[in-house]
């Protein structure tokens, strides 16, 4: 029955905003502080199962200890008769699942910003011994201010408590489970990293890396099959971002990142090289360009000139980033061509197609500008001999006070010729 208009503890229920297999979530108000909250109620038909009751209580205690800006805050745990409630931060925005249902895929920089904030949340939880075990798009909220909030720790494993999961039992959402999770093995933070890789892959490609069909289930594919590289689907996905996905999706946990901190640092490096404005602001611009927030809401957090980026608008509304697909590879190709040409020229000059170089040692009195075959080489005195390919060369010595002089020298490979000139003022 709807709780609208009812009171739960100190909270006035306004409406139901969601429901799942274990709980119903309500939007409520806390009159004493004049703020909105979300109240999660354990379904009454499950309130007789001691293990579920214990898990619900532990969710409240575990998350209450995780005071992080990218994790939904817990305010209170309430019991009333045979009902149990968790009062938590109310997040106004859209979850990642709903966002991805409205777009084909996310621009790489947007996906990376979301992933970075989610990685910060996981790093904080993992450092405190909490493994989420159900990391998926519907558990990531995106606020209108461009913040990511990780929520729903209902099946999390907290090292502070005994594990309620029996050995051999798999908990989680099948399409986002790690291989060890599917096998019912004891999991650690690396299981969350595998789920993280699936979500990141889905953000940048618009599809999951492992999907079931008539021949195999999604669980079989996660356990045994490789995934198609993101760049084969969309060439504008940067190599570094593809590398992060690949590392997270290693079948063996020991081949994934050694820590969530290492994952977070790689994402920070990537985003720093791609996004030149405030990261939350860039996410706000994306939400505005997809008509998920209004101009007036966006301008509360982002400067007007930043909202007018034509490049951001093009990629935000579905266009492939031409800079990544055409311009940057073309520039890279030309740069490589120049390097090869420079290397070839140097090789030819050095080896003269196989001939050994010779040298000319210069001694000019009192001094002179030395030109070799018409090009200025240096002004004497200089100690090092001039390296030249074998053959005849014209040396010209110029002194604006004493006039010029020209010498022809025959250079032989591996030998040093000596040229000595004395410049005198002409009568």
Protein backbone atom coordinates (compact mmCIF):
# COMPACT_ATOMS: atom_id res chain seq x y z
CA UNK A 1 0.00 0.00 0.00
CA UNK A 2 1.27 3.49 -0.84
CA UNK A 3 2.99 5.30 2.02
CA UNK A 4 2.27 8.75 0.53
CA UNK A 5 1.08 11.11 3.24
CA UNK A 6 2.39 8.80 5.98
CA UNK A 7 5.15 9.47 8.45
CA UNK A 8 8.24 7.27 8.81
CA UNK A 9 10.18 8.33 11.87
CA UNK A 10 10.76 12.07 11.47
CA UNK A 11 10.21 11.93 7.70
CA UNK A 12 7.04 12.78 5.79
CA UNK A 13 6.55 10.52 2.75
CA UNK A 14 5.72 12.39 -0.46
CA UNK A 15 5.66 9.70 -3.16
CA UNK A 16 7.05 6.35 -4.29
CA UNK A 17 10.03 6.77 -6.64
CA UNK A 18 11.19 3.21 -7.25
CA UNK A 19 10.98 -0.43 -6.29
CA UNK A 20 13.03 -3.61 -6.63
CA UNK A 21 13.06 -7.20 -5.51
CA UNK A 22 14.06 -6.38 -1.96
CA UNK A 23 12.81 -2.87 -1.27
CA UNK A 24 10.62 0.09 -2.19
CA UNK A 25 12.05 3.62 -2.24
CA UNK A 26 10.07 6.74 -1.34
CA UNK A 27 10.72 10.44 -1.71
CA UNK A 28 10.22 12.11 1.67
CA UNK A 29 10.84 15.36 3.50
CA UNK A 30 12.71 16.01 6.71
CA UNK A 31 10.76 19.01 8.12
CA UNK A 32 13.32 19.90 10.81
CA UNK A 33 15.97 20.67 8.18
CA UNK A 34 13.68 21.42 5.25
CA UNK A 35 15.42 18.88 3.01
CA UNK A 36 14.35 16.02 0.79
CA UNK A 37 15.45 12.49 1.58
CA UNK A 38 14.98 9.03 0.08
CA UNK A 39 13.54 6.34 2.35
CA UNK A 40 14.17 2.70 1.44
CA UNK A 41 11.72 0.19 2.93
CA UNK A 42 12.45 -3.54 3.10
CA UNK A 43 9.56 -5.44 1.56
CA UNK A 44 7.37 -6.86 4.29
CA UNK A 45 7.25 -10.33 2.76
CA UNK A 46 11.04 -10.48 3.20
CA UNK A 47 11.09 -9.06 6.73
CA UNK A 48 10.67 -12.55 8.21
CA UNK A 49 13.93 -13.88 6.71
CA UNK A 50 16.70 -13.37 9.32
CA UNK A 51 19.50 -13.33 6.73
CA UNK A 52 17.74 -10.64 4.65
CA UNK A 53 17.03 -8.57 7.75
CA UNK A 54 20.68 -8.83 8.76
CA UNK A 55 21.81 -7.86 5.24
CA UNK A 56 19.49 -4.82 5.25
CA UNK A 57 20.85 -3.67 8.61
CA UNK A 58 24.42 -4.17 7.45
CA UNK A 59 23.80 -2.12 4.32
CA UNK A 60 22.80 0.82 6.52
CA UNK A 61 25.81 0.43 8.81
CA UNK A 62 28.34 -0.15 6.03
CA UNK A 63 27.25 2.82 3.92
CA UNK A 64 26.86 5.08 6.96
CA UNK A 65 30.60 4.59 7.53
CA UNK A 66 31.42 5.61 3.93
CA UNK A 67 31.41 9.41 4.02
CA UNK A 68 32.38 10.20 0.43
CA UNK A 69 31.01 12.72 -2.06
CA UNK A 70 30.50 10.01 -4.70
CA UNK A 71 28.60 7.63 -2.39
CA UNK A 72 25.00 8.21 -1.35
CA UNK A 73 24.92 9.26 2.32
CA UNK A 74 22.90 7.36 4.96
CA UNK A 75 21.02 9.48 7.52
CA UNK A 76 19.12 7.01 9.68
CA UNK A 77 18.02 3.41 10.18
CA UNK A 78 14.44 3.00 11.38
CA UNK A 79 12.42 0.03 12.61
CA UNK A 80 8.68 0.28 13.08
CA UNK A 81 6.89 -2.90 14.08
CA UNK A 82 7.78 -5.49 11.45
CA UNK A 83 8.95 -2.82 8.97
CA UNK A 84 12.52 -1.60 8.42
CA UNK A 85 13.66 1.59 6.70
CA UNK A 86 16.90 3.29 5.63
CA UNK A 87 16.77 7.08 5.26
CA UNK A 88 19.38 8.38 2.82
CA UNK A 89 20.45 11.29 0.65
CA UNK A 90 17.91 12.19 -2.04
CA UNK A 91 19.68 12.51 -5.39
CA UNK A 92 17.91 14.50 -8.06
CA UNK A 93 19.05 13.41 -11.48
CA UNK A 94 19.12 10.35 -13.71
CA UNK A 95 20.74 6.97 -13.23
CA UNK A 96 23.27 5.72 -15.77
CA UNK A 97 20.94 2.94 -16.95
CA UNK A 98 18.23 5.44 -17.92
CA UNK A 99 20.80 7.76 -19.46
CA UNK A 100 22.19 5.01 -21.70
CA UNK A 101 18.68 4.06 -22.76
CA UNK A 102 18.32 7.60 -24.17
CA UNK A 103 21.62 7.69 -26.12
CA UNK A 104 23.37 5.25 -28.44
CA UNK A 105 26.61 5.63 -26.52
CA UNK A 106 28.47 8.26 -24.50
CA UNK A 107 31.31 10.43 -25.85
CA UNK A 108 34.65 9.06 -24.58
CA UNK A 109 35.39 12.09 -22.40
CA UNK A 110 31.95 11.90 -20.75
CA UNK A 111 32.28 8.15 -20.15
CA UNK A 112 35.70 8.74 -18.61
CA UNK A 113 34.43 11.50 -16.29
CA UNK A 114 31.64 9.24 -15.05
CA UNK A 115 34.08 6.34 -14.68
CA UNK A 116 36.58 8.48 -12.78
CA UNK A 117 34.02 9.56 -10.18
CA UNK A 118 32.75 5.98 -9.85
CA UNK A 119 36.33 4.74 -9.42
CA UNK A 120 36.86 7.27 -6.62
CA UNK A 121 33.78 5.89 -4.87
CA UNK A 122 34.97 2.29 -5.26
CA UNK A 123 38.49 3.18 -4.13
CA UNK A 124 37.11 4.73 -0.95
CA UNK A 125 34.87 1.70 -0.26
CA UNK A 126 37.59 -0.84 -1.05
CA UNK A 127 40.10 0.93 1.19
CA UNK A 128 37.61 0.46 4.03
CA UNK A 129 37.07 -3.20 3.29
CA UNK A 130 33.72 -2.94 1.47
CA UNK A 131 33.22 -4.77 -1.86
CA UNK A 132 30.07 -3.58 -3.65
CA UNK A 133 29.36 -6.83 -5.62
CA UNK A 134 26.57 -5.24 -7.67
CA UNK A 135 28.28 -2.46 -9.62
CA UNK A 136 26.04 -1.69 -12.63
CA UNK A 137 24.53 1.33 -14.44
CA UNK A 138 21.31 1.44 -12.43
CA UNK A 139 23.36 1.86 -9.25
CA UNK A 140 25.11 5.00 -10.50
CA UNK A 141 23.15 8.25 -10.19
CA UNK A 142 24.13 11.35 -12.16
CA UNK A 143 23.05 14.57 -10.49
CA UNK A 144 22.09 17.80 -12.24
CA UNK A 145 25.31 19.26 -10.84
CA UNK A 146 27.42 16.71 -12.72
CA UNK A 147 28.25 14.49 -9.75
CA UNK A 148 28.15 10.68 -9.69
CA UNK A 149 26.67 8.88 -6.69
CA UNK A 150 27.23 5.15 -6.14
CA UNK A 151 24.31 3.54 -4.31
CA UNK A 152 22.64 0.25 -3.33
CA UNK A 153 25.12 -1.66 -1.19
CA UNK A 154 22.46 -4.29 -0.46
CA UNK A 155 24.69 -7.29 -1.26
CA UNK A 156 28.02 -5.66 -0.44
CA UNK A 157 30.60 -7.64 1.51
CA UNK A 158 32.05 -5.73 4.44
CA UNK A 159 35.18 -7.09 6.12
CA UNK A 160 33.86 -5.68 9.42
CA UNK A 161 31.12 -8.36 9.41
CA UNK A 162 30.94 -12.09 8.77
CA UNK A 163 30.10 -12.99 5.17
CA UNK A 164 26.42 -13.92 4.82
CA UNK A 165 26.98 -15.55 1.42
CA UNK A 166 27.41 -19.34 1.52
CA UNK A 167 30.38 -20.74 -0.46
CA UNK A 168 29.35 -21.66 -4.00
CA UNK A 169 26.56 -19.07 -4.04
CA UNK A 170 26.63 -16.36 -6.74
CA UNK A 171 25.21 -12.96 -5.87
CA UNK A 172 24.87 -10.05 -8.26
CA UNK A 173 23.41 -9.09 -11.63
CA UNK A 174 24.46 -11.77 -14.19
CA UNK A 175 25.46 -9.42 -17.04
CA UNK A 176 27.84 -7.50 -14.72
CA UNK A 177 29.32 -10.35 -12.68
CA UNK A 178 33.01 -11.27 -12.63
CA UNK A 179 34.15 -14.82 -13.46
CA UNK A 180 34.97 -15.56 -9.82
CA UNK A 181 31.60 -14.18 -8.76
CA UNK A 182 29.83 -16.52 -11.20
CA UNK A 183 31.78 -19.49 -9.82
CA UNK A 184 30.68 -18.63 -6.28
CA UNK A 185 34.23 -17.98 -5.09
CA UNK A 186 35.09 -15.50 -2.37
CA UNK A 187 35.51 -12.14 -4.07
CA UNK A 188 37.59 -9.08 -3.33
CA UNK A 189 37.90 -5.59 -4.83
CA UNK A 190 39.05 -7.02 -8.17
CA UNK A 191 35.57 -8.41 -8.77
CA UNK A 192 34.21 -4.86 -8.68
CA UNK A 193 36.90 -3.87 -11.19
CA UNK A 194 35.63 -6.46 -13.67
CA UNK A 195 32.07 -5.14 -13.30
CA UNK A 196 33.50 -1.63 -13.68
CA UNK A 197 35.09 -2.67 -16.99
CA UNK A 198 31.75 -3.96 -18.29
CA UNK A 199 30.05 -0.66 -17.43
CA UNK A 200 32.83 1.42 -19.03
CA UNK A 201 32.71 -0.74 -22.18
CA UNK A 202 28.94 -0.26 -22.34
CA UNK A 203 29.25 3.50 -21.94
CA UNK A 204 31.70 3.98 -24.83
CA UNK A 205 30.18 1.43 -27.25
CA UNK A 206 26.49 1.37 -26.33
CA UNK A 207 26.55 -2.40 -25.85
CA UNK A 208 27.77 -4.93 -23.29
CA UNK A 209 31.00 -6.85 -23.95
CA UNK A 210 29.27 -10.14 -23.14
CA UNK A 211 25.70 -10.90 -24.21
CA UNK A 212 23.75 -14.15 -24.40
CA UNK A 213 22.27 -15.62 -27.56
CA UNK A 214 20.88 -18.96 -28.77
CA UNK A 215 24.24 -20.70 -28.32
CA UNK A 216 25.63 -19.39 -25.03
CA UNK A 217 24.41 -17.65 -21.91
CA UNK A 218 25.97 -14.37 -20.75
CA UNK A 219 27.58 -16.23 -17.84
CA UNK A 220 29.28 -18.69 -20.20
CA UNK A 221 30.56 -15.83 -22.32
CA UNK A 222 31.96 -13.99 -19.29
CA UNK A 223 33.75 -17.15 -18.20
CA UNK A 224 35.14 -18.25 -21.56
CA UNK A 225 34.81 -15.77 -24.41
CA UNK A 226 36.90 -12.74 -25.43
CA UNK A 227 35.19 -9.42 -26.09
CA UNK A 228 35.35 -7.34 -29.23
CA UNK A 229 37.75 -4.42 -28.87
CA UNK A 230 35.87 -1.11 -28.45
CA UNK A 231 37.85 0.61 -31.22
CA UNK A 232 36.69 -1.96 -33.76
CA UNK A 233 33.18 -0.73 -33.10
CA UNK A 234 34.01 2.99 -32.83
CA UNK A 235 37.44 4.21 -33.97
CA UNK A 236 37.12 7.48 -32.06
CA UNK A 237 37.54 5.64 -28.75
CA UNK A 238 41.07 6.53 -27.55
CA UNK A 239 43.59 3.71 -27.24
CA UNK A 240 44.27 4.55 -23.61
CA UNK A 241 40.60 4.22 -22.70
CA UNK A 242 40.43 0.91 -24.53
CA UNK A 243 43.49 -0.20 -22.55
CA UNK A 244 41.74 0.61 -19.26
CA UNK A 245 38.74 -1.47 -20.35
CA UNK A 246 40.98 -4.36 -21.37
CA UNK A 247 42.85 -4.36 -18.04
CA UNK A 248 39.61 -4.39 -16.04
CA UNK A 249 38.13 -7.24 -18.11
CA UNK A 250 40.95 -9.72 -17.63
CA UNK A 251 39.44 -13.12 -16.79
CA UNK A 252 42.03 -13.75 -14.08
CA UNK A 253 41.82 -11.36 -11.10
CA UNK A 254 45.63 -11.21 -10.74
CA UNK A 255 45.88 -9.68 -14.23
CA UNK A 256 43.60 -6.78 -13.42
CA UNK A 257 44.71 -3.60 -11.67
CA UNK A 258 46.65 -4.27 -8.47
CA UNK A 259 44.54 -1.68 -6.68
CA UNK A 260 41.54 0.53 -7.32
CA UNK A 261 43.88 3.46 -6.75
CA UNK A 262 45.89 2.41 -9.83
CA UNK A 263 42.69 2.38 -11.91
CA UNK A 264 41.66 5.78 -10.58
CA UNK A 265 45.09 7.28 -11.38
CA UNK A 266 44.97 6.05 -14.99
CA UNK A 267 41.53 7.57 -15.43
CA UNK A 268 42.72 10.85 -13.90
CA UNK A 269 45.63 10.99 -16.35
CA UNK A 270 43.31 10.29 -19.27
CA UNK A 271 40.66 12.84 -18.29
CA UNK A 272 43.29 15.50 -17.54
CA UNK A 273 44.52 15.21 -21.12
CA UNK A 274 41.04 15.37 -22.65
CA UNK A 275 38.96 17.81 -20.60
CA UNK A 276 40.08 21.41 -20.20
CA UNK A 277 37.24 22.65 -18.01
CA UNK A 278 35.80 21.57 -14.65
CA UNK A 279 34.89 17.89 -14.99
CA UNK A 280 31.47 18.24 -13.36
CA UNK A 281 30.83 21.23 -15.62
CA UNK A 282 31.64 19.17 -18.70
CA UNK A 283 29.09 16.57 -17.58
CA UNK A 284 26.52 19.31 -17.03
CA UNK A 285 27.10 20.53 -20.61
CA UNK A 286 26.49 17.00 -21.88
CA UNK A 287 23.22 16.71 -19.93
CA UNK A 288 22.11 20.05 -21.32
CA UNK A 289 23.06 19.11 -24.91
CA UNK A 290 20.97 15.94 -24.54
CA UNK A 291 18.02 18.00 -23.22
CA UNK A 292 18.17 16.27 -19.85
CA UNK A 293 18.47 19.54 -17.98
CA UNK A 294 17.42 23.03 -18.99
CA UNK A 295 19.61 25.95 -20.07
CA UNK A 296 18.84 27.76 -16.84
CA UNK A 297 19.82 24.72 -14.75
CA UNK A 298 23.07 24.32 -16.71
CA UNK A 299 23.98 28.00 -16.36
CA UNK A 300 23.78 27.65 -12.59
CA UNK A 301 26.98 25.56 -12.75
CA UNK A 302 28.64 26.38 -16.11
CA UNK A 303 29.68 29.65 -17.73
CA UNK A 304 27.70 30.71 -20.78
CA UNK A 305 30.73 30.64 -23.11
CA UNK A 306 31.46 27.03 -22.12
CA UNK A 307 27.93 26.04 -23.11
CA UNK A 308 28.55 27.25 -26.67
CA UNK A 309 31.26 24.73 -27.62
CA UNK A 310 30.34 23.46 -31.10
CA UNK A 311 32.69 20.47 -30.82
CA UNK A 312 31.13 19.38 -27.53
CA UNK A 313 27.66 19.80 -28.95
CA UNK A 314 28.49 17.65 -31.99
CA UNK A 315 29.90 14.73 -29.98
CA UNK A 316 27.29 15.08 -27.23
CA UNK A 317 24.45 14.67 -29.71
CA UNK A 318 25.85 11.55 -31.33
CA UNK A 319 28.43 12.56 -33.94
CA UNK A 320 31.74 10.70 -34.05
CA UNK A 321 34.65 12.93 -33.04
CA UNK A 322 36.25 13.76 -36.39
CA UNK A 323 39.40 14.97 -34.66
CA UNK A 324 39.97 11.53 -33.19
CA UNK A 325 39.03 9.58 -36.32
CA UNK A 326 40.53 11.72 -39.11
CA UNK A 327 42.50 14.77 -38.04
CA UNK A 328 44.62 13.30 -35.23
CA UNK A 329 45.55 10.11 -37.14
CA UNK A 330 46.37 12.26 -40.17
CA UNK A 331 48.58 14.54 -38.11
CA UNK A 332 50.22 11.51 -36.53
CA UNK A 333 50.81 10.02 -39.99
CA UNK A 334 52.42 13.23 -41.27
CA UNK A 335 54.57 13.48 -38.15
CA UNK A 336 55.71 9.88 -38.62
CA UNK A 337 56.43 10.59 -42.30
CA UNK A 338 58.57 13.58 -41.35
CA UNK A 339 60.49 11.47 -38.84
CA UNK A 340 61.12 8.79 -41.45
CA UNK A 341 62.22 11.40 -43.98
CA UNK A 342 64.54 13.03 -41.48
CA UNK A 343 65.96 9.64 -40.55
CA UNK A 344 66.47 8.74 -44.19
CA UNK A 345 68.17 12.07 -44.92
CA UNK A 346 70.46 11.63 -41.93
CA UNK A 347 71.28 8.10 -43.00
CA UNK A 348 72.09 9.24 -46.53
CA UNK A 349 74.22 12.09 -45.26
CA UNK A 350 75.99 9.84 -42.80
CA UNK A 351 76.58 6.85 -45.03
CA UNK A 352 76.33 8.39 -48.50
CA UNK A 353 74.60 5.23 -49.66
CA UNK A 354 77.33 3.09 -48.18
CA UNK A 355 80.40 5.37 -48.59
CA UNK A 356 82.50 6.24 -45.55
CA UNK A 357 82.76 9.89 -44.65
CA UNK A 358 85.89 11.98 -44.85
CA UNK A 359 86.89 15.14 -42.99
CA UNK A 360 88.42 18.56 -43.64
CA UNK A 361 90.35 20.36 -40.91
CA UNK A 362 90.38 24.14 -41.34
CA UNK A 363 92.94 26.71 -40.22
CA UNK A 364 92.22 30.30 -41.29
CA UNK A 365 94.32 33.34 -40.35
CA UNK A 366 93.17 35.65 -38.85
CA UNK A 367 89.55 34.39 -39.14
CA UNK A 368 86.89 33.68 -41.76
CA UNK A 369 83.33 32.58 -42.32
CA UNK A 370 83.55 29.14 -43.92
CA UNK A 371 81.05 28.21 -46.65
CA UNK A 372 80.91 24.58 -47.85
CA UNK A 373 79.43 24.09 -51.31
CA UNK A 374 77.67 27.44 -50.97
CA UNK A 375 76.24 26.94 -47.45
CA UNK A 376 77.59 28.68 -44.34
CA UNK A 377 79.16 26.10 -42.04
CA UNK A 378 80.72 28.12 -39.20
CA UNK A 379 83.12 30.95 -38.35
CA UNK A 380 86.69 30.09 -37.46
CA UNK A 381 88.29 29.22 -35.25
CA UNK A 382 86.61 25.82 -34.61
CA UNK A 383 88.46 22.72 -33.48
CA UNK A 384 86.38 19.89 -34.92
CA UNK A 385 86.98 18.88 -38.56
CA UNK A 386 84.14 19.26 -41.06
CA UNK A 387 82.56 15.87 -41.94
CA UNK A 388 81.91 15.55 -45.68
CA UNK A 389 81.02 12.80 -48.13
CA UNK A 390 83.82 11.66 -50.49
CA UNK A 391 84.35 13.82 -53.58
CA UNK A 392 85.24 17.34 -54.62
CA UNK A 393 83.96 20.21 -52.47
CA UNK A 394 84.21 23.98 -52.76
CA UNK A 395 85.29 25.85 -49.65
CA UNK A 396 84.89 29.61 -49.54
CA UNK A 397 86.46 31.78 -46.84
CA UNK A 398 84.97 35.22 -46.27
CA UNK A 399 86.29 38.10 -44.15
CA UNK A 400 84.57 41.43 -44.73
CA UNK A 401 87.76 43.31 -43.89
CA UNK A 402 90.24 41.15 -45.77
CA UNK A 403 88.16 39.84 -48.69
CA UNK A 404 87.33 36.31 -49.85
CA UNK A 405 89.20 33.21 -50.96
CA UNK A 406 88.05 29.97 -52.59
CA UNK A 407 89.67 26.52 -52.29
CA UNK A 408 88.74 23.22 -53.95
CA UNK A 409 89.35 20.17 -51.78
CA UNK A 410 89.26 16.46 -52.64
CA UNK A 411 87.76 14.45 -49.78
CA UNK A 412 88.46 10.73 -49.39
CA UNK A 413 86.49 8.36 -47.17
CA UNK A 414 88.07 7.74 -43.77
CA UNK A 415 90.77 10.39 -44.31
CA UNK A 416 91.25 13.96 -43.06
CA UNK A 417 92.31 16.69 -45.48
CA UNK A 418 93.89 19.89 -44.18
CA UNK A 419 93.25 23.35 -45.58
CA UNK A 420 95.20 26.37 -44.36
CA UNK A 421 94.55 29.87 -45.66
CA UNK A 422 95.87 33.28 -44.76
CA UNK A 423 93.67 36.24 -45.65
CA UNK A 424 95.41 39.54 -46.32
CA UNK A 425 94.10 42.93 -47.22
CA UNK A 426 94.33 43.47 -50.95
CA UNK A 427 96.59 46.38 -52.03
